[in-house]
Amino acid sequence: MVLYARSDVSGVGVPVDGGGCGAFHRRPVIEGRLAKLFAIDCQPCESYLRLRLPDQWTNNRWDIPLTPDEVLQADMLEKQAKRLQQQETSERARESARSIAEHYNDPYEANLPSFLDAERISRVGSIEEPPVVDPDAVSARLAQLDDEVDPAVLSMPQLRKRCAEAGLSTGGKKVDLINRLRAEG
């Protein structure tokens, strides 16, 4: 069976008295660079490594363990993706609300029913008037929703903008800006 090492392992040697073959296995060098994939096919060393270092070795090349740095990077990317997804969802909701408000407040469009609406009017006898939506109320509600977004999911430029709008200092780390906004909140 073949064992694959995580990306920060450049070589390994298991002594004979430890159950290994005694040879030192090195990550291959291809065109002056360490190869991305490091696999060993040495039965005595494999048994030792699989049992004693499972966080660094695996028998499946698709399940190679991540290094601590790769784990941190993956976590950061996942958080950023969630933040972007939340922002995109919020933006779509705002656009839908604006579109609905514009549609119902357009006097020309509201007073001229479409062909299907005219058919419905003739069958039923009347049609319900669409609700009148106050664009200022919609804008105020959208602004309130923007204020309700957790500052932790905002980017640095967005945090600085919010701090400036609130009359707060815009300098410092992200955590400082978040704490200022939450304290102001």
Protein backbone atom coordinates (compact mmCIF):
# COMPACT_ATOMS: atom_id res chain seq x y z
CA MET A 1 0.00 0.00 0.00
CA VAL A 2 1.17 3.55 -0.69
CA LEU A 3 1.10 6.36 1.90
CA TYR A 4 0.84 10.04 0.99
CA ALA A 5 2.32 12.82 3.12
CA ARG A 6 0.86 16.25 3.78
CA SER A 7 2.58 19.14 2.00
CA ASP A 8 4.94 20.19 4.83
CA VAL A 9 6.66 16.77 5.11
CA SER A 10 9.89 16.78 3.11
CA GLY A 11 11.26 13.45 4.27
CA VAL A 12 10.94 10.69 6.82
CA GLY A 13 13.06 7.88 8.14
CA VAL A 14 11.94 5.11 10.47
CA PRO A 15 14.79 3.17 12.15
CA VAL A 16 14.84 -0.63 11.94
CA ASP A 17 14.47 -0.93 15.73
CA GLY A 18 11.33 1.28 15.44
CA GLY A 19 9.77 -1.09 12.90
CA GLY A 20 10.88 0.73 9.73
CA CYS A 21 13.28 -0.13 6.94
CA GLY A 22 16.03 2.19 8.20
CA ALA A 23 16.22 4.20 4.95
CA PHE A 24 15.39 7.90 4.71
CA HIS A 25 12.55 8.61 2.28
CA ARG A 26 12.69 12.10 0.68
CA ARG A 27 10.10 14.13 -1.17
CA PRO A 28 11.11 14.00 -4.85
CA VAL A 29 12.63 17.06 -6.52
CA ILE A 30 11.33 17.88 -10.01
CA GLU A 31 13.09 20.59 -12.03
CA GLY A 32 14.67 22.04 -8.89
CA ARG A 33 11.43 22.13 -6.86
CA LEU A 34 9.95 19.78 -4.32
CA ALA A 35 7.17 17.68 -5.84
CA LYS A 36 3.64 18.50 -4.70
CA LEU A 37 2.86 14.83 -4.08
CA PHE A 38 5.05 12.80 -1.72
CA ALA A 39 4.23 9.10 -1.54
CA ILE A 40 6.18 6.21 -0.10
CA ASP A 41 5.75 2.54 -0.91
CA CYS A 42 7.69 0.85 1.89
CA GLN A 43 5.67 -1.66 3.92
CA PRO A 44 7.66 -1.47 7.21
CA CYS A 45 7.67 2.36 7.23
CA GLU A 46 4.02 2.58 6.13
CA SER A 47 2.81 0.54 9.10
CA TYR A 48 4.71 2.75 11.52
CA LEU A 49 3.64 6.05 9.92
CA ARG A 50 -0.03 5.07 9.54
CA LEU A 51 -0.28 4.18 13.24
CA ARG A 52 1.95 6.83 14.80
CA LEU A 53 1.48 9.89 12.51
CA PRO A 54 -2.07 9.70 11.10
CA ASP A 55 -2.32 13.52 11.08
CA GLN A 56 0.54 13.66 8.52
CA TRP A 57 0.01 10.54 6.38
CA THR A 58 -2.90 8.86 4.59
CA ASN A 59 -3.37 5.96 2.21
CA ASN A 60 -5.62 7.98 -0.14
CA ARG A 61 -4.18 10.81 -2.21
CA TRP A 62 -7.54 12.66 -2.09
CA ASP A 63 -7.58 12.68 1.74
CA ILE A 64 -4.10 14.08 2.36
CA PRO A 65 -4.27 15.94 5.70
CA LEU A 66 -4.00 19.73 5.64
CA THR A 67 -1.16 21.55 7.35
CA PRO A 68 -2.08 23.93 10.19
CA ASP A 69 -1.56 26.88 7.80
CA GLU A 70 -3.81 25.28 5.18
CA VAL A 71 -6.51 24.72 7.82
CA LEU A 72 -6.38 28.42 8.80
CA GLN A 73 -6.52 29.50 5.17
CA ALA A 74 -9.47 27.18 4.46
CA ASP A 75 -11.33 28.56 7.50
CA MET A 76 -10.68 32.14 6.39
CA LEU A 77 -11.87 31.39 2.86
CA GLU A 78 -15.01 29.72 4.20
CA LYS A 79 -15.80 32.73 6.41
CA GLN A 80 -15.21 35.10 3.51
CA ALA A 81 -17.48 33.02 1.26
CA LYS A 82 -20.26 33.09 3.89
CA ARG A 83 -19.86 36.85 4.28
CA LEU A 84 -20.03 37.39 0.53
CA GLN A 85 -23.03 35.10 0.25
CA GLN A 86 -24.83 37.04 3.00
CA GLN A 87 -24.03 40.34 1.30
CA GLU A 88 -25.25 39.03 -2.04
CA THR A 89 -28.50 37.77 -0.50
CA SER A 90 -29.05 41.12 1.22
CA GLU A 91 -28.40 43.00 -2.02
CA ARG A 92 -30.84 40.78 -3.96
CA ALA A 93 -33.51 41.37 -1.30
CA ARG A 94 -32.95 45.13 -1.47
CA GLU A 95 -33.19 45.11 -5.27
CA SER A 96 -36.40 43.08 -5.14
CA ALA A 97 -37.92 45.47 -2.61
CA ARG A 98 -36.95 48.47 -4.74
CA SER A 99 -38.36 46.86 -7.86
CA ILE A 100 -41.66 46.06 -6.15
CA ALA A 101 -41.90 49.56 -4.71
CA GLU A 102 -41.22 51.12 -8.10
CA HIS A 103 -43.73 48.84 -9.81
CA TYR A 104 -46.58 49.60 -7.43
CA ASN A 105 -45.87 53.32 -7.34
CA ASP A 106 -45.84 53.77 -11.12
CA PRO A 107 -49.26 55.39 -11.77
CA TYR A 108 -49.24 54.53 -15.47
CA GLU A 109 -48.55 50.83 -14.93
CA ALA A 110 -50.84 50.52 -11.89
CA ASN A 111 -53.86 51.94 -13.77
CA LEU A 112 -53.45 49.94 -16.96
CA PRO A 113 -54.02 46.22 -16.29
CA SER A 114 -52.38 43.71 -18.57
CA PHE A 115 -54.40 41.53 -20.94
CA LEU A 116 -54.64 38.76 -18.31
CA ASP A 117 -55.75 41.24 -15.67
CA ALA A 118 -58.45 42.57 -18.04
CA GLU A 119 -59.69 39.01 -18.55
CA ARG A 120 -59.76 38.49 -14.80
CA ILE A 121 -61.68 41.74 -14.32
CA SER A 122 -64.36 40.68 -16.80
CA ARG A 123 -64.81 37.28 -15.12
CA VAL A 124 -64.72 38.46 -11.52
CA GLY A 125 -66.09 41.94 -11.97
CA SER A 126 -63.31 43.78 -10.18
CA ILE A 127 -59.67 43.48 -9.35
CA GLU A 128 -57.98 44.34 -6.11
CA GLU A 129 -55.93 47.47 -6.24
CA PRO A 130 -52.26 46.86 -5.48
CA PRO A 131 -51.15 48.23 -2.14
CA VAL A 132 -49.61 51.68 -2.22
CA VAL A 133 -46.05 51.48 -1.02
CA ASP A 134 -44.33 54.57 0.30
CA PRO A 135 -40.84 54.71 -1.28
CA ASP A 136 -39.52 56.64 1.71
CA ALA A 137 -40.75 53.89 4.05
CA VAL A 138 -39.08 51.26 1.86
CA SER A 139 -35.82 53.23 1.87
CA ALA A 140 -36.02 53.65 5.65
CA ARG A 141 -36.63 49.91 6.11
CA LEU A 142 -33.71 49.05 3.81
CA ALA A 143 -31.46 51.40 5.78
CA GLN A 144 -32.63 49.75 9.01
CA LEU A 145 -31.84 46.30 7.55
CA ASP A 146 -28.38 47.56 6.57
CA ASP A 147 -27.84 48.71 10.17
CA GLU A 148 -28.94 45.33 11.52
CA VAL A 149 -26.20 43.44 9.63
CA ASP A 150 -23.61 42.09 12.05
CA PRO A 151 -20.46 44.23 11.68
CA ALA A 152 -18.31 41.07 11.83
CA VAL A 153 -19.40 40.09 8.30
CA LEU A 154 -18.49 43.45 6.77
CA SER A 155 -15.26 44.17 4.93
CA MET A 156 -12.73 46.72 6.17
CA PRO A 157 -13.88 49.45 3.73
CA GLN A 158 -17.50 48.89 4.78
CA LEU A 159 -16.53 49.02 8.46
CA ARG A 160 -14.55 52.24 7.93
CA LYS A 161 -17.50 53.78 6.08
CA ARG A 162 -19.90 52.85 8.90
CA CYS A 163 -17.51 54.24 11.54
CA ALA A 164 -17.14 57.49 9.59
CA GLU A 165 -20.94 57.78 9.24
CA ALA A 166 -21.31 57.26 12.99
CA GLY A 167 -18.61 59.86 13.74
CA LEU A 168 -16.23 57.22 15.11
CA SER A 169 -12.52 56.78 14.51
CA THR A 170 -11.78 54.78 11.35
CA GLY A 171 -8.27 53.66 12.29
CA GLY A 172 -7.17 50.35 13.73
CA LYS A 173 -7.69 46.66 13.14
CA LYS A 174 -10.93 45.07 12.01
CA VAL A 175 -11.75 43.91 15.54
CA ASP A 176 -11.35 47.49 16.81
CA LEU A 177 -13.77 48.83 14.20
CA ILE A 178 -16.29 46.07 14.99
CA ASN A 179 -16.07 46.79 18.73
CA ARG A 180 -16.58 50.54 18.12
CA LEU A 181 -19.65 49.93 16.00
CA ARG A 182 -21.14 47.44 18.46
CA ALA A 183 -20.53 49.82 21.38
CA GLU A 184 -22.18 52.64 19.41
CA GLY A 185 -25.06 50.36 18.30
